[in-house]
Amino acid sequence: MAVWSALSRTLFGAQRASNVVLSQVAVKNGLQLRQMSGHNKFIIQPTRWQWHKFKDLLHLYFFVGAIPLGLISAYCNLFIGPAELAPIPEGYRPQEHEYYRHPITRFFKKYIMESEQESYERHMHFLWEHYDQAMFRKIQKEVMALQESRGDYKHWYYVPVETRTYEIMQEDAYETHQERGQFR
């Protein structure tokens, strides 16, 4: 350590002269600098903690992702290799992911990406939903037009009538009117 201190005094001697100038500027600006064990400057500057933290996290997550992906890629390219064309056996129906050459692409197509059939069915469901909504709007317009033309209005609630009680009341009314000889 003593060798480094001696070298730094000789190599960076010109820098010490600038340190004195900086300390004089700092004192002129109202900052008081102490001399501690031969060092004569303490430059107050904004923190670089956020920058260093960002670099640390960037390196961490880059290498957490890059090293495993690089190893997987190297393994696939060295030991598995690209797929080769071969005749299809009788009665075997190849799956969709088997048509891709690279093993990583086959893995993504099999486990991560959606198949062509799934994509088609999802699109057809989307079209069916839009068709269903259009038909609902068409029926709703027809109902509104009929209400407007007939002078109807919406009934927001409905109180059901018990039919047995109503039938009994009608029978009683019919019998009383028949006894009196009056029937409306």
Protein backbone atom coordinates (compact mmCIF):
# COMPACT_ATOMS: atom_id res chain seq x y z
CA MET A 1 0.00 0.00 0.00
CA ALA A 2 2.91 2.32 0.71
CA VAL A 3 4.16 1.88 -2.85
CA TRP A 4 0.81 2.95 -4.26
CA SER A 5 0.74 6.04 -2.03
CA ALA A 6 4.23 7.03 -3.17
CA LEU A 7 3.29 6.50 -6.83
CA SER A 8 0.08 8.45 -6.49
CA ARG A 9 1.96 11.40 -4.95
CA THR A 10 4.39 11.54 -7.85
CA LEU A 11 1.96 10.74 -10.67
CA PHE A 12 -0.94 12.83 -9.49
CA GLY A 13 1.00 15.75 -8.03
CA ALA A 14 -0.46 18.13 -10.60
CA GLN A 15 -3.88 17.19 -9.42
CA ARG A 16 -3.09 18.40 -5.92
CA ALA A 17 -2.61 21.92 -7.18
CA SER A 18 -6.08 21.80 -8.64
CA ASN A 19 -7.38 20.46 -5.30
CA VAL A 20 -6.16 23.59 -3.59
CA VAL A 21 -7.94 25.72 -6.17
CA LEU A 22 -11.14 23.70 -5.73
CA SER A 23 -10.96 24.03 -1.98
CA GLN A 24 -10.49 27.79 -2.30
CA VAL A 25 -13.53 27.95 -4.61
CA ALA A 26 -15.53 25.90 -2.12
CA VAL A 27 -14.56 28.22 0.73
CA LYS A 28 -15.52 31.21 -1.38
CA ASN A 29 -18.94 29.65 -1.99
CA GLY A 30 -19.52 29.22 1.72
CA LEU A 31 -18.58 25.54 2.07
CA GLN A 32 -16.11 24.81 4.79
CA LEU A 33 -13.60 22.07 4.07
CA ARG A 34 -11.48 20.44 6.72
CA GLN A 35 -8.02 19.15 6.40
CA MET A 36 -8.01 15.58 7.61
CA SER A 37 -4.79 13.56 7.67
CA GLY A 38 -3.19 15.35 4.78
CA HIS A 39 -6.19 15.30 2.45
CA ASN A 40 -7.29 18.81 1.80
CA LYS A 41 -10.53 18.50 -0.15
CA PHE A 42 -14.04 17.27 0.27
CA ILE A 43 -16.04 18.01 -2.83
CA ILE A 44 -19.76 18.05 -2.28
CA GLN A 45 -21.55 16.66 -5.32
CA PRO A 46 -24.93 15.13 -6.10
CA THR A 47 -25.38 11.48 -5.32
CA ARG A 48 -24.88 8.82 -7.98
CA TRP A 49 -26.64 6.15 -5.97
CA GLN A 50 -29.58 5.81 -8.40
CA TRP A 51 -27.23 5.41 -11.36
CA HIS A 52 -25.16 2.75 -9.61
CA LYS A 53 -28.29 0.92 -8.43
CA PHE A 54 -29.69 0.98 -11.98
CA LYS A 55 -26.43 -0.42 -13.40
CA ASP A 56 -26.33 -3.15 -10.75
CA LEU A 57 -29.90 -4.23 -11.44
CA LEU A 58 -29.39 -4.05 -15.21
CA HIS A 59 -26.35 -6.30 -15.00
CA LEU A 60 -28.10 -8.68 -12.60
CA TYR A 61 -31.23 -9.15 -14.69
CA PHE A 62 -29.30 -9.23 -17.95
CA PHE A 63 -27.08 -12.02 -16.72
CA VAL A 64 -29.93 -13.82 -14.95
CA GLY A 65 -31.66 -13.96 -18.33
CA ALA A 66 -28.70 -14.09 -20.73
CA ILE A 67 -26.69 -16.88 -19.12
CA PRO A 68 -29.50 -19.47 -18.92
CA LEU A 69 -30.80 -18.59 -22.38
CA GLY A 70 -27.29 -18.78 -23.81
CA LEU A 71 -26.73 -22.19 -22.22
CA ILE A 72 -30.08 -23.50 -23.47
CA SER A 73 -29.37 -22.21 -26.96
CA ALA A 74 -25.88 -23.75 -26.99
CA TYR A 75 -27.26 -27.09 -25.76
CA CYS A 76 -29.99 -27.12 -28.41
CA ASN A 77 -27.62 -26.21 -31.21
CA LEU A 78 -24.82 -28.59 -30.18
CA PHE A 79 -26.66 -31.68 -28.97
CA ILE A 80 -30.13 -31.65 -30.53
CA GLY A 81 -29.53 -29.81 -33.80
CA PRO A 82 -31.98 -28.94 -36.56
CA ALA A 83 -34.68 -31.35 -37.64
CA GLU A 84 -34.20 -33.34 -40.82
CA LEU A 85 -36.78 -34.35 -43.37
CA ALA A 86 -37.82 -37.98 -43.23
CA PRO A 87 -40.66 -39.94 -44.76
CA ILE A 88 -43.85 -39.98 -42.69
CA PRO A 89 -44.82 -43.47 -41.51
CA GLU A 90 -48.10 -44.95 -42.66
CA GLY A 91 -51.06 -43.81 -40.55
CA TYR A 92 -49.09 -41.17 -38.59
CA ARG A 93 -50.45 -37.66 -38.61
CA PRO A 94 -47.73 -35.09 -37.74
CA GLN A 95 -48.54 -32.43 -35.19
CA GLU A 96 -48.31 -28.77 -36.08
CA HIS A 97 -45.13 -28.06 -34.11
CA GLU A 98 -43.24 -30.88 -35.88
CA TYR A 99 -43.09 -28.88 -39.11
CA TYR A 100 -40.56 -26.39 -37.68
CA ARG A 101 -36.85 -27.02 -38.10
CA HIS A 102 -35.19 -25.54 -35.00
CA PRO A 103 -35.84 -27.21 -31.63
CA ILE A 104 -36.39 -23.92 -29.79
CA THR A 105 -38.97 -22.86 -32.38
CA ARG A 106 -40.68 -26.24 -32.01
CA PHE A 107 -40.76 -25.80 -28.22
CA PHE A 108 -42.31 -22.33 -28.51
CA LYS A 109 -44.87 -23.51 -31.07
CA LYS A 110 -45.85 -26.51 -28.93
CA TYR A 111 -46.05 -24.94 -25.46
CA ILE A 112 -46.26 -21.14 -25.78
CA MET A 113 -47.78 -20.00 -29.09
CA GLU A 114 -51.34 -20.86 -30.05
CA SER A 115 -52.04 -23.30 -32.86
CA GLU A 116 -53.67 -22.35 -36.16
CA GLN A 117 -56.88 -24.13 -35.17
CA GLU A 118 -57.05 -22.29 -31.84
CA SER A 119 -56.40 -18.99 -33.58
CA TYR A 120 -59.16 -19.75 -36.14
CA GLU A 121 -61.66 -20.72 -33.44
CA ARG A 122 -60.85 -17.61 -31.40
CA HIS A 123 -61.45 -15.46 -34.48
CA MET A 124 -64.73 -17.22 -35.26
CA HIS A 125 -65.90 -16.68 -31.67
CA PHE A 126 -65.04 -12.99 -32.03
CA LEU A 127 -67.11 -12.80 -35.23
CA TRP A 128 -70.01 -14.69 -33.60
CA GLU A 129 -70.05 -12.26 -30.66
CA HIS A 130 -70.21 -9.29 -33.02
CA TYR A 131 -72.96 -10.95 -35.06
CA ASP A 132 -74.91 -11.71 -31.87
CA GLN A 133 -74.60 -8.10 -30.71
CA ALA A 134 -75.72 -6.84 -34.14
CA MET A 135 -78.78 -9.11 -34.06
CA PHE A 136 -79.63 -7.95 -30.54
CA ARG A 137 -79.41 -4.31 -31.63
CA LYS A 138 -81.61 -5.10 -34.66
CA ILE A 139 -84.29 -6.73 -32.48
CA GLN A 140 -84.07 -3.86 -30.04
CA LYS A 141 -84.65 -1.35 -32.85
CA GLU A 142 -87.65 -3.35 -34.06
CA VAL A 143 -89.13 -3.39 -30.55
CA MET A 144 -88.64 0.36 -30.21
CA ALA A 145 -90.26 0.93 -33.62
CA LEU A 146 -93.27 -1.24 -32.68
CA GLN A 147 -93.63 0.52 -29.34
CA GLU A 148 -93.56 3.85 -31.10
CA SER A 149 -96.03 2.86 -33.80
CA ARG A 150 -98.56 1.23 -31.43
CA GLY A 151 -98.20 3.72 -28.64
CA ASP A 152 -96.99 1.05 -26.24
CA TYR A 153 -94.72 1.70 -23.37
CA LYS A 154 -92.34 -0.38 -21.31
CA HIS A 155 -93.59 -2.21 -18.26
CA TRP A 156 -90.80 -2.21 -15.75
CA TYR A 157 -92.45 -4.70 -13.45
CA TYR A 158 -95.14 -7.35 -13.61
CA VAL A 159 -97.29 -8.54 -10.73
CA PRO A 160 -98.45 -12.07 -11.47
CA VAL A 161 -102.05 -12.97 -10.70
CA GLU A 162 -102.80 -16.31 -9.14
CA THR A 163 -105.04 -18.01 -11.70
CA ARG A 164 -106.88 -20.38 -9.36
CA THR A 165 -108.18 -17.48 -7.26
CA TYR A 166 -109.18 -15.62 -10.40
CA GLU A 167 -111.04 -18.68 -11.77
CA ILE A 168 -112.94 -19.11 -8.49
CA MET A 169 -113.93 -15.43 -8.53
CA GLN A 170 -115.17 -15.76 -12.12
CA GLU A 171 -117.19 -18.89 -11.31
CA ASP A 172 -118.82 -17.17 -8.32
CA ALA A 173 -119.63 -14.11 -10.41
CA TYR A 174 -121.09 -16.33 -13.15
CA GLU A 175 -123.24 -18.25 -10.68
CA THR A 176 -124.57 -15.12 -8.98
CA HIS A 177 -125.43 -13.54 -12.30
CA GLN A 178 -127.14 -16.71 -13.46
CA GLU A 179 -129.21 -16.87 -10.29
CA ARG A 180 -130.31 -13.29 -10.74
CA GLY A 181 -130.78 -13.76 -14.41
CA GLN A 182 -128.33 -11.09 -15.28
CA PHE A 183 -125.22 -11.77 -17.17
CA ARG A 184 -123.00 -9.20 -18.59
